[in-house]
């Protein structure tokens, strides 16, 4: 507490030393300033994603984003250096969350069929809760986005795809899924189906995300279920084959 004692050299009025004041504050001023800066930057990125989704990245001007925020164009440059900076974090954050959620599902005790249902619902919820950023992912050049991201977008996509493959592989080993199917193509087809919902889905369609995910899950699981006598080609020699990633 010595920092709060009067400075004897300044006479009876006493002037407190505040040199170490920040050590006693729960939120030092510099930390608060950084929090405000980060909050504003997040607000700017959110607005940028909305404008990019509406006008397209290349057609968007910095002035368009400033107008959407009610800011002066010059004020934006306190937070960014170029328009490309606005791409940073938009897509990679969603992909990182996707990989994390998929990993959590994979580590549960659920059977593969239920895991696929949870993956479908998780995918739709995450992307439709981040519709503007997802629009950037769907519509813009991934090479450009990757160039302006801290993490490799393509590595994250491969990791996400691999997570789905692991669940299907688990289902083949347990006998729940047809071993005679090409799951690498199936996973890409699933992504196409889920991602295309960006183009048509809206709550006004009369279906909730949970209902849509249930319909999609039924379609997927009825297509990759166990082999039926009158269905897909029978297993050779009665042996189950493991899918290769």
Foldseek 3Di string as FASTA:
>chain_A
DQQQFFDVVVPPVGDGHCPPVQVPDPQRPVNVVVVVLVVVLVVLLLLLLQVCLVQNLVRDDLVNSCVSVVHDSVVVCVNPPDSLLSLEPLPVVLLVVLLVQLVVLLPDPDALLVSLLVSLLVLLVSCVVSLSSLSCVVPDDLVSSQVNYPDRPVVSVVSNLVSNLVSVLRCLVVQFFAQVDQVSVVSVVLCVVSSCCSVPDDVVVVDDSSRVSVVSSCVSSVVTGHDDPPDDDDDPVNDGDGHDD
